[in-house]
Amino acid sequence: MIQPGLFDMQNRLESLSQFGDPLEKLKEVVDFEVFRSDLERGLDFSDRSKGGRPPYDAVLIFKILLLQSLYSLSDEQAEFQIKDRLSFMRFLGLELCQSVPDAKTIWLYRERLSQKGIIEKLFESFDRALKERGYLAMGGQVVDGTPVQAWNKWGESPRLQLSIRESSRRLSL
């Protein structure tokens, strides 16, 4: 068995960046901390003074919900993909040694936000934040969310658009 090198992870992430990781660009463009107060109000966890397992970070959960929306992932697939993909872990700010919310936890957080009617407002705010920076959020089956320049119909200055392209390849599992 090969001993991992000290900089193997850093080198792999740099390699992903050279390919143009769209999630890295999204993380640059949007300040996710602006959503924290609404998220924490919507999740409304009890006083932690009595002990128990601390809740997952609210912004981490919101980013997971965004990944689910962008990549059409079920709760189970979200859990798997976060554990499997370095680009997802980097976007979420997770290290290999950190725990990943399981499918039931993801479902529970989404339900809590939905019941309070906050999830729609959060996604609308996210869309607005993207538009303010010259990006458009598009849904669908995402395989590639590469930012590309889009010219308006009059041929005026280009704006960046978060383009979501479906893959022509079909994966057989």
N, C-alpha and C. Protein backbone atom coordinates (compact mmCIF):
# COMPACT_ATOMS: atom_id res chain seq x y z
N MET A 1 0.84 -1.18 0.00
CA MET A 1 0.00 0.00 0.00
C MET A 1 0.89 1.25 0.00
N ILE A 2 0.50 2.23 -0.76
CA ILE A 2 1.29 3.45 -0.89
C ILE A 2 0.95 4.41 0.25
N GLN A 3 1.98 4.95 0.85
CA GLN A 3 1.83 5.93 1.93
C GLN A 3 1.43 7.27 1.31
N PRO A 4 0.32 7.87 1.77
CA PRO A 4 -0.06 9.17 1.20
C PRO A 4 0.98 10.23 1.54
N GLY A 5 1.20 11.12 0.58
CA GLY A 5 2.15 12.20 0.78
C GLY A 5 1.53 13.36 1.54
N LEU A 6 2.36 14.21 2.05
CA LEU A 6 1.93 15.34 2.85
C LEU A 6 1.07 16.33 2.05
N PHE A 7 1.35 16.48 0.77
CA PHE A 7 0.65 17.46 -0.04
C PHE A 7 -0.27 16.84 -1.09
N ASP A 8 -0.57 15.56 -0.98
CA ASP A 8 -1.41 14.88 -1.97
C ASP A 8 -2.79 15.53 -2.10
N MET A 9 -3.43 15.81 -0.98
CA MET A 9 -4.77 16.41 -1.03
C MET A 9 -4.71 17.80 -1.65
N GLN A 10 -3.77 18.60 -1.23
CA GLN A 10 -3.62 19.95 -1.78
C GLN A 10 -3.37 19.88 -3.28
N ASN A 11 -2.53 18.97 -3.71
CA ASN A 11 -2.23 18.83 -5.14
C ASN A 11 -3.48 18.41 -5.91
N ARG A 12 -4.28 17.51 -5.34
CA ARG A 12 -5.49 17.05 -6.03
C ARG A 12 -6.49 18.20 -6.16
N LEU A 13 -6.64 18.98 -5.10
CA LEU A 13 -7.57 20.13 -5.15
C LEU A 13 -7.10 21.18 -6.14
N GLU A 14 -5.80 21.42 -6.21
CA GLU A 14 -5.27 22.35 -7.19
C GLU A 14 -5.54 21.86 -8.61
N SER A 15 -5.45 20.56 -8.80
CA SER A 15 -5.74 19.97 -10.10
C SER A 15 -7.21 20.18 -10.47
N LEU A 16 -8.11 20.02 -9.51
CA LEU A 16 -9.53 20.28 -9.75
C LEU A 16 -9.76 21.74 -10.12
N SER A 17 -9.05 22.63 -9.46
CA SER A 17 -9.18 24.06 -9.75
C SER A 17 -8.76 24.37 -11.17
N GLN A 18 -7.71 23.72 -11.65
CA GLN A 18 -7.23 23.95 -13.01
C GLN A 18 -8.26 23.51 -14.05
N PHE A 19 -9.09 22.54 -13.71
CA PHE A 19 -10.16 22.10 -14.61
C PHE A 19 -11.33 23.09 -14.61
N GLY A 20 -11.34 24.02 -13.65
CA GLY A 20 -12.41 25.01 -13.58
C GLY A 20 -13.59 24.51 -12.76
N ASP A 21 -13.33 24.13 -11.54
CA ASP A 21 -14.38 23.64 -10.63
C ASP A 21 -15.47 24.69 -10.47
N PRO A 22 -16.69 24.44 -10.97
CA PRO A 22 -17.76 25.43 -10.88
C PRO A 22 -18.18 25.73 -9.44
N LEU A 23 -18.04 24.76 -8.55
CA LEU A 23 -18.40 24.99 -7.15
C LEU A 23 -17.41 25.93 -6.47
N GLU A 24 -16.17 25.88 -6.90
CA GLU A 24 -15.17 26.81 -6.38
C GLU A 24 -15.52 28.23 -6.79
N LYS A 25 -15.97 28.38 -8.04
CA LYS A 25 -16.39 29.70 -8.53
C LYS A 25 -17.62 30.19 -7.76
N LEU A 26 -18.58 29.29 -7.53
CA LEU A 26 -19.79 29.65 -6.80
C LEU A 26 -19.45 30.11 -5.38
N LYS A 27 -18.51 29.43 -4.76
CA LYS A 27 -18.08 29.80 -3.41
C LYS A 27 -17.42 31.18 -3.39
N GLU A 28 -16.73 31.52 -4.47
CA GLU A 28 -16.11 32.85 -4.60
C GLU A 28 -17.16 33.94 -4.77
N VAL A 29 -18.18 33.64 -5.53
CA VAL A 29 -19.17 34.63 -5.95
C VAL A 29 -20.17 34.97 -4.85
N VAL A 30 -20.58 33.98 -4.07
CA VAL A 30 -21.64 34.18 -3.07
C VAL A 30 -21.06 34.12 -1.67
N ASP A 31 -21.40 35.11 -0.86
CA ASP A 31 -21.06 35.11 0.57
C ASP A 31 -22.19 34.39 1.30
N PHE A 32 -21.98 33.14 1.62
CA PHE A 32 -23.03 32.32 2.22
C PHE A 32 -23.35 32.70 3.66
N GLU A 33 -22.48 33.47 4.27
CA GLU A 33 -22.74 33.89 5.66
C GLU A 33 -23.95 34.82 5.77
N VAL A 34 -24.31 35.49 4.68
CA VAL A 34 -25.47 36.38 4.72
C VAL A 34 -26.77 35.61 4.97
N PHE A 35 -26.76 34.32 4.77
CA PHE A 35 -27.95 33.49 4.97
C PHE A 35 -28.05 32.95 6.40
N ARG A 36 -26.98 33.09 7.18
CA ARG A 36 -26.91 32.45 8.49
C ARG A 36 -28.06 32.83 9.42
N SER A 37 -28.37 34.11 9.56
CA SER A 37 -29.39 34.51 10.53
C SER A 37 -30.76 33.93 10.16
N ASP A 38 -31.14 33.96 8.88
CA ASP A 38 -32.41 33.36 8.46
C ASP A 38 -32.40 31.86 8.69
N LEU A 39 -31.29 31.22 8.39
CA LEU A 39 -31.18 29.77 8.59
C LEU A 39 -31.33 29.40 10.06
N GLU A 40 -30.61 30.10 10.91
CA GLU A 40 -30.67 29.77 12.34
C GLU A 40 -32.04 30.06 12.92
N ARG A 41 -32.68 31.11 12.44
CA ARG A 41 -34.04 31.41 12.89
C ARG A 41 -35.00 30.30 12.42
N GLY A 42 -34.81 29.83 11.20
CA GLY A 42 -35.67 28.78 10.66
C GLY A 42 -35.44 27.42 11.29
N LEU A 43 -34.21 27.14 11.62
CA LEU A 43 -33.90 25.84 12.22
C LEU A 43 -34.24 25.82 13.70
N ASP A 44 -34.10 26.96 14.37
CA ASP A 44 -34.56 27.15 15.74
C ASP A 44 -34.24 25.97 16.65
N PHE A 45 -32.96 25.71 16.82
CA PHE A 45 -32.56 24.61 17.71
C PHE A 45 -32.67 25.05 19.16
N SER A 46 -32.96 24.08 20.00
CA SER A 46 -33.14 24.36 21.42
C SER A 46 -31.82 24.80 22.06
N ASP A 47 -31.96 25.29 23.26
CA ASP A 47 -30.80 25.72 24.05
C ASP A 47 -29.84 24.55 24.24
N ARG A 48 -28.58 24.76 23.92
CA ARG A 48 -27.58 23.68 23.99
C ARG A 48 -27.01 23.50 25.40
N SER A 49 -27.49 24.24 26.38
CA SER A 49 -26.93 24.15 27.73
C SER A 49 -27.22 22.79 28.38
N LYS A 50 -28.22 22.08 27.90
CA LYS A 50 -28.56 20.78 28.48
C LYS A 50 -27.72 19.64 27.90
N GLY A 51 -26.87 19.94 26.97
CA GLY A 51 -26.00 18.92 26.38
C GLY A 51 -26.61 18.36 25.11
N GLY A 52 -26.13 17.19 24.73
CA GLY A 52 -26.58 16.56 23.50
C GLY A 52 -25.65 16.89 22.35
N ARG A 53 -25.88 16.21 21.26
CA ARG A 53 -25.05 16.41 20.08
C ARG A 53 -25.32 17.80 19.50
N PRO A 54 -24.26 18.56 19.25
CA PRO A 54 -24.48 19.89 18.66
C PRO A 54 -25.02 19.74 17.23
N PRO A 55 -25.87 20.66 16.80
CA PRO A 55 -26.42 20.59 15.44
C PRO A 55 -25.33 20.90 14.40
N TYR A 56 -25.57 20.44 13.18
CA TYR A 56 -24.67 20.81 12.09
C TYR A 56 -24.80 22.30 11.83
N ASP A 57 -23.74 22.87 11.29
CA ASP A 57 -23.73 24.28 10.95
C ASP A 57 -24.83 24.59 9.95
N ALA A 58 -25.59 25.63 10.19
CA ALA A 58 -26.74 25.98 9.35
C ALA A 58 -26.32 26.30 7.92
N VAL A 59 -25.21 26.98 7.73
CA VAL A 59 -24.75 27.33 6.38
C VAL A 59 -24.31 26.07 5.63
N LEU A 60 -23.69 25.14 6.33
CA LEU A 60 -23.32 23.86 5.73
C LEU A 60 -24.55 23.16 5.18
N ILE A 61 -25.62 23.12 5.96
CA ILE A 61 -26.86 22.47 5.53
C ILE A 61 -27.43 23.19 4.31
N PHE A 62 -27.43 24.51 4.31
CA PHE A 62 -27.96 25.25 3.16
C PHE A 62 -27.16 24.93 1.90
N LYS A 63 -25.85 24.85 2.02
CA LYS A 63 -25.02 24.52 0.87
C LYS A 63 -25.35 23.11 0.36
N ILE A 64 -25.63 22.19 1.27
CA ILE A 64 -26.02 20.83 0.87
C ILE A 64 -27.34 20.88 0.10
N LEU A 65 -28.29 21.66 0.59
CA LEU A 65 -29.57 21.80 -0.11
C LEU A 65 -29.38 22.41 -1.50
N LEU A 66 -28.43 23.34 -1.62
CA LEU A 66 -28.11 23.91 -2.94
C LEU A 66 -27.53 22.85 -3.86
N LEU A 67 -26.61 22.04 -3.33
CA LEU A 67 -26.03 20.96 -4.14
C LEU A 67 -27.12 20.01 -4.62
N GLN A 68 -28.05 19.70 -3.73
CA GLN A 68 -29.15 18.82 -4.12
C GLN A 68 -29.96 19.42 -5.26
N SER A 69 -30.21 20.70 -5.17
CA SER A 69 -30.98 21.38 -6.20
C SER A 69 -30.21 21.46 -7.51
N LEU A 70 -28.95 21.84 -7.46
CA LEU A 70 -28.14 21.99 -8.66
C LEU A 70 -27.86 20.67 -9.37
N TYR A 71 -27.66 19.61 -8.59
CA TYR A 71 -27.26 18.33 -9.16
C TYR A 71 -28.37 17.27 -9.10
N SER A 72 -29.59 17.69 -8.77
CA SER A 72 -30.75 16.78 -8.71
C SER A 72 -30.45 15.53 -7.88
N LEU A 73 -30.04 15.75 -6.65
CA LEU A 73 -29.66 14.64 -5.77
C LEU A 73 -30.72 14.36 -4.72
N SER A 74 -30.98 13.10 -4.50
CA SER A 74 -31.82 12.69 -3.37
C SER A 74 -31.01 12.88 -2.09
N ASP A 75 -31.64 12.71 -0.96
CA ASP A 75 -30.91 12.82 0.31
C ASP A 75 -29.81 11.77 0.40
N GLU A 76 -30.13 10.55 -0.02
CA GLU A 76 -29.14 9.47 0.04
C GLU A 76 -27.98 9.74 -0.91
N GLN A 77 -28.30 10.22 -2.12
CA GLN A 77 -27.25 10.53 -3.08
C GLN A 77 -26.41 11.73 -2.63
N ALA A 78 -27.04 12.68 -1.98
CA ALA A 78 -26.29 13.84 -1.46
C ALA A 78 -25.26 13.36 -0.44
N GLU A 79 -25.69 12.52 0.49
CA GLU A 79 -24.76 11.98 1.49
C GLU A 79 -23.60 11.26 0.81
N PHE A 80 -23.92 10.39 -0.14
CA PHE A 80 -22.88 9.64 -0.85
C PHE A 80 -21.93 10.56 -1.61
N GLN A 81 -22.49 11.49 -2.39
CA GLN A 81 -21.66 12.36 -3.22
C GLN A 81 -20.76 13.26 -2.38
N ILE A 82 -21.25 13.71 -1.24
CA ILE A 82 -20.41 14.54 -0.35
C ILE A 82 -19.23 13.72 0.15
N LYS A 83 -19.48 12.48 0.49
CA LYS A 83 -18.40 11.61 0.96
C LYS A 83 -17.44 11.24 -0.15
N ASP A 84 -17.94 11.20 -1.37
CA ASP A 84 -17.17 10.70 -2.50
C ASP A 84 -16.41 11.78 -3.27
N ARG A 85 -16.94 12.98 -3.35
CA ARG A 85 -16.39 14.01 -4.24
C ARG A 85 -15.62 15.09 -3.48
N LEU A 86 -14.38 15.26 -3.87
CA LEU A 86 -13.55 16.29 -3.25
C LEU A 86 -14.09 17.69 -3.54
N SER A 87 -14.64 17.90 -4.72
CA SER A 87 -15.17 19.23 -5.05
C SER A 87 -16.34 19.58 -4.14
N PHE A 88 -17.18 18.60 -3.82
CA PHE A 88 -18.30 18.85 -2.90
C PHE A 88 -17.77 19.16 -1.50
N MET A 89 -16.78 18.38 -1.05
CA MET A 89 -16.23 18.61 0.29
C MET A 89 -15.59 20.00 0.39
N ARG A 90 -14.88 20.39 -0.65
CA ARG A 90 -14.24 21.71 -0.63
C ARG A 90 -15.31 22.81 -0.60
N PHE A 91 -16.34 22.68 -1.42
CA PHE A 91 -17.43 23.66 -1.45
C PHE A 91 -18.08 23.79 -0.08
N LEU A 92 -18.25 22.67 0.59
CA LEU A 92 -18.90 22.65 1.91
C LEU A 92 -17.96 23.03 3.04
N GLY A 93 -16.66 23.08 2.76
CA GLY A 93 -15.69 23.40 3.81
C GLY A 93 -15.42 22.23 4.73
N LEU A 94 -15.57 21.01 4.22
CA LEU A 94 -15.37 19.81 5.03
C LEU A 94 -14.01 19.18 4.74
N GLU A 95 -13.40 18.65 5.76
CA GLU A 95 -12.16 17.88 5.63
C GLU A 95 -12.53 16.40 5.63
N LEU A 96 -11.63 15.56 5.16
CA LEU A 96 -11.89 14.12 5.12
C LEU A 96 -12.23 13.54 6.49
N CYS A 97 -11.66 14.11 7.52
CA CYS A 97 -11.85 13.58 8.87
C CYS A 97 -13.16 14.05 9.52
N GLN A 98 -13.89 14.97 8.90
CA GLN A 98 -15.11 15.50 9.50
C GLN A 98 -16.32 14.65 9.12
N SER A 99 -17.31 14.65 10.01
CA SER A 99 -18.52 13.89 9.73
C SER A 99 -19.37 14.61 8.70
N VAL A 100 -20.11 13.81 7.95
CA VAL A 100 -21.01 14.31 6.91
C VAL A 100 -22.44 14.02 7.37
N PRO A 101 -23.34 14.99 7.25
CA PRO A 101 -24.73 14.72 7.64
C PRO A 101 -25.29 13.54 6.83
N ASP A 102 -25.97 12.63 7.51
CA ASP A 102 -26.56 11.51 6.79
C ASP A 102 -27.86 11.94 6.12
N ALA A 103 -28.43 11.03 5.31
CA ALA A 103 -29.62 11.35 4.53
C ALA A 103 -30.79 11.77 5.42
N LYS A 104 -30.97 11.11 6.53
CA LYS A 104 -32.08 11.44 7.45
C LYS A 104 -31.90 12.84 8.03
N THR A 105 -30.68 13.20 8.35
CA THR A 105 -30.40 14.53 8.89
C THR A 105 -30.67 15.61 7.84
N ILE A 106 -30.26 15.36 6.61
CA ILE A 106 -30.51 16.32 5.53
C ILE A 106 -32.02 16.51 5.37
N TRP A 107 -32.74 15.40 5.37
CA TRP A 107 -34.21 15.46 5.26
C TRP A 107 -34.81 16.26 6.41
N LEU A 108 -34.34 16.01 7.62
CA LEU A 108 -34.87 16.67 8.81
C LEU A 108 -34.67 18.19 8.75
N TYR A 109 -33.48 18.62 8.36
CA TYR A 109 -33.19 20.05 8.26
C TYR A 109 -34.06 20.69 7.18
N ARG A 110 -34.20 20.03 6.02
CA ARG A 110 -35.03 20.58 4.95
C ARG A 110 -36.47 20.69 5.40
N GLU A 111 -36.98 19.66 6.08
CA GLU A 111 -38.35 19.68 6.57
C GLU A 111 -38.58 20.83 7.55
N ARG A 112 -37.63 21.02 8.43
CA ARG A 112 -37.75 22.10 9.42
C ARG A 112 -37.82 23.46 8.74
N LEU A 113 -36.96 23.67 7.74
CA LEU A 113 -36.98 24.94 7.00
C LEU A 113 -38.25 25.08 6.17
N SER A 114 -38.72 23.98 5.59
CA SER A 114 -39.95 24.01 4.78
C SER A 114 -41.16 24.31 5.64
N GLN A 115 -41.26 23.68 6.79
CA GLN A 115 -42.42 23.88 7.67
C GLN A 115 -42.53 25.33 8.11
N LYS A 116 -41.41 26.00 8.26
CA LYS A 116 -41.44 27.41 8.68
C LYS A 116 -41.54 28.35 7.48
N GLY A 117 -41.61 27.79 6.27
CA GLY A 117 -41.75 28.62 5.07
C GLY A 117 -40.52 29.43 4.73
N ILE A 118 -39.38 29.01 5.18
CA ILE A 118 -38.15 29.79 4.99
C ILE A 118 -37.34 29.31 3.79
N ILE A 119 -37.47 28.06 3.44
CA ILE A 119 -36.61 27.50 2.39
C ILE A 119 -36.80 28.22 1.06
N GLU A 120 -38.05 28.54 0.70
CA GLU A 120 -38.29 29.24 -0.56
C GLU A 120 -37.64 30.62 -0.54
N LYS A 121 -37.75 31.31 0.59
CA LYS A 121 -37.16 32.64 0.71
C LYS A 121 -35.63 32.58 0.60
N LEU A 122 -35.04 31.53 1.17
CA LEU A 122 -33.60 31.37 1.11
C LEU A 122 -33.13 31.17 -0.34
N PHE A 123 -33.84 30.33 -1.08
CA PHE A 123 -33.47 30.10 -2.47
C PHE A 123 -33.70 31.34 -3.32
N GLU A 124 -34.74 32.10 -3.04
CA GLU A 124 -34.96 33.36 -3.75
C GLU A 124 -33.83 34.35 -3.45
N SER A 125 -33.41 34.41 -2.19
CA SER A 125 -32.29 35.29 -1.81
C SER A 125 -31.00 34.84 -2.49
N PHE A 126 -30.80 33.54 -2.57
CA PHE A 126 -29.63 33.00 -3.26
C PHE A 126 -29.64 33.39 -4.73
N ASP A 127 -30.79 33.22 -5.38
CA ASP A 127 -30.92 33.62 -6.79
C ASP A 127 -30.62 35.10 -6.97
N ARG A 128 -31.14 35.92 -6.06
CA ARG A 128 -30.89 37.38 -6.12
C ARG A 128 -29.41 37.68 -5.96
N ALA A 129 -28.76 36.99 -5.02
CA ALA A 129 -27.32 37.21 -4.80
C ALA A 129 -26.53 36.87 -6.05
N LEU A 130 -26.92 35.80 -6.74
CA LEU A 130 -26.24 35.45 -7.98
C LEU A 130 -26.46 36.51 -9.06
N LYS A 131 -27.71 36.93 -9.21
CA LYS A 131 -28.05 37.92 -10.24
C LYS A 131 -27.33 39.23 -10.01
N GLU A 132 -27.20 39.64 -8.74
CA GLU A 132 -26.50 40.89 -8.42
C GLU A 132 -25.04 40.84 -8.84
N ARG A 133 -24.49 39.65 -8.94
CA ARG A 133 -23.09 39.50 -9.32
C ARG A 133 -22.94 39.07 -10.78
N GLY A 134 -24.06 39.12 -11.53
CA GLY A 134 -24.00 38.83 -12.96
C GLY A 134 -24.13 37.37 -13.33
N TYR A 135 -24.70 36.57 -12.46
CA TYR A 135 -24.89 35.14 -12.72
C TYR A 135 -26.38 34.82 -12.72
N LEU A 136 -26.71 33.73 -13.39
CA LEU A 136 -28.07 33.23 -13.38
C LEU A 136 -28.05 31.80 -12.88
N ALA A 137 -28.97 31.47 -11.98
CA ALA A 137 -29.08 30.09 -11.50
C ALA A 137 -30.11 29.38 -12.35
N MET A 138 -29.74 28.20 -12.79
CA MET A 138 -30.65 27.39 -13.59
C MET A 138 -30.74 26.02 -12.96
N GLY A 139 -31.91 25.43 -13.00
CA GLY A 139 -32.08 24.10 -12.42
C GLY A 139 -32.08 23.04 -13.49
N GLY A 140 -32.23 21.81 -13.07
CA GLY A 140 -32.29 20.69 -14.00
C GLY A 140 -31.28 19.65 -13.63
N GLN A 141 -31.09 18.72 -14.53
CA GLN A 141 -30.11 17.67 -14.29
C GLN A 141 -28.74 18.26 -14.55
N VAL A 142 -27.99 18.45 -13.50
CA VAL A 142 -26.71 19.11 -13.63
C VAL A 142 -25.60 18.08 -13.68
N VAL A 143 -24.79 18.19 -14.68
CA VAL A 143 -23.56 17.43 -14.73
C VAL A 143 -22.41 18.41 -14.75
N ASP A 144 -22.67 19.57 -15.37
CA ASP A 144 -21.64 20.59 -15.48
C ASP A 144 -22.27 21.95 -15.23
N GLY A 145 -21.79 22.65 -14.23
CA GLY A 145 -22.32 23.98 -13.94
C GLY A 145 -21.26 25.03 -14.21
N THR A 146 -20.61 24.94 -15.36
CA THR A 146 -19.51 25.82 -15.69
C THR A 146 -19.98 27.23 -15.97
N PRO A 147 -19.37 28.25 -15.35
CA PRO A 147 -19.72 29.63 -15.69
C PRO A 147 -19.22 29.96 -17.10
N VAL A 148 -20.11 30.48 -17.93
CA VAL A 148 -19.74 30.87 -19.28
C VAL A 148 -20.25 32.28 -19.54
N GLN A 149 -19.63 32.97 -20.49
CA GLN A 149 -20.09 34.31 -20.83
C GLN A 149 -21.32 34.21 -21.72
N ALA A 150 -22.29 35.05 -21.44
CA ALA A 150 -23.52 35.08 -22.23
C ALA A 150 -23.73 36.49 -22.73
N TRP A 151 -23.88 36.66 -24.04
CA TRP A 151 -24.10 37.99 -24.63
C TRP A 151 -25.59 38.26 -24.64
N ASN A 152 -25.97 39.51 -24.39
CA ASN A 152 -27.39 39.82 -24.48
C ASN A 152 -27.79 39.90 -25.95
N LYS A 153 -29.09 40.00 -26.20
CA LYS A 153 -29.58 39.92 -27.58
C LYS A 153 -29.14 41.10 -28.44
N TRP A 154 -28.69 42.18 -27.84
CA TRP A 154 -28.24 43.34 -28.61
C TRP A 154 -26.74 43.33 -28.83
N GLY A 155 -26.06 42.29 -28.39
CA GLY A 155 -24.62 42.19 -28.58
C GLY A 155 -23.83 43.09 -27.67
N GLU A 156 -24.45 43.55 -26.57
CA GLU A 156 -23.75 44.42 -25.64
C GLU A 156 -22.85 43.60 -24.73
N SER A 157 -22.24 44.27 -23.77
CA SER A 157 -21.24 43.65 -22.92
C SER A 157 -21.71 42.32 -22.34
N PRO A 158 -20.81 41.36 -22.29
CA PRO A 158 -21.18 40.04 -21.81
C PRO A 158 -21.38 40.01 -20.30
N ARG A 159 -22.25 39.12 -19.89
CA ARG A 159 -22.44 38.84 -18.47
C ARG A 159 -22.11 37.38 -18.27
N LEU A 160 -21.66 37.05 -17.10
CA LEU A 160 -21.40 35.65 -16.81
C LEU A 160 -22.71 34.98 -16.44
N GLN A 161 -22.89 33.80 -16.92
CA GLN A 161 -24.10 33.04 -16.65
C GLN A 161 -23.68 31.67 -16.14
N LEU A 162 -24.30 31.19 -15.09
CA LEU A 162 -24.00 29.86 -14.60
C LEU A 162 -24.78 28.90 -15.49
N SER A 163 -24.08 28.33 -16.45
CA SER A 163 -24.71 27.45 -17.43
C SER A 163 -24.75 26.03 -16.90
N ILE A 164 -25.89 25.42 -17.00
CA ILE A 164 -26.04 24.05 -16.54
C ILE A 164 -26.33 23.20 -17.76
N ARG A 165 -25.37 22.36 -18.11
CA ARG A 165 -25.50 21.54 -19.30
C ARG A 165 -25.72 20.09 -18.92
N GLU A 166 -26.62 19.44 -19.63
CA GLU A 166 -26.84 18.02 -19.41
C GLU A 166 -25.78 17.25 -20.18
N SER A 167 -25.34 16.20 -19.62
CA SER A 167 -24.34 15.38 -20.25
C SER A 167 -24.99 14.48 -21.30
N SER A 168 -24.30 14.28 -22.40
CA SER A 168 -24.82 13.36 -23.42
C SER A 168 -24.47 11.93 -23.06
N ARG A 169 -23.55 11.78 -22.11
CA ARG A 169 -23.17 10.44 -21.68
C ARG A 169 -24.17 9.91 -20.67
N ARG A 170 -24.49 8.65 -20.75
CA ARG A 170 -25.34 7.99 -19.76
C ARG A 170 -24.44 7.07 -18.95
N LEU A 171 -24.58 7.13 -17.65
CA LEU A 171 -23.79 6.29 -16.78
C LEU A 171 -24.57 5.04 -16.43
N SER A 172 -23.96 3.92 -16.53
CA SER A 172 -24.60 2.66 -16.13
C SER A 172 -24.00 2.24 -14.80
N LEU A 173 -24.86 2.05 -13.82
CA LEU A 173 -24.40 1.62 -12.51
C LEU A 173 -24.78 0.20 -12.26
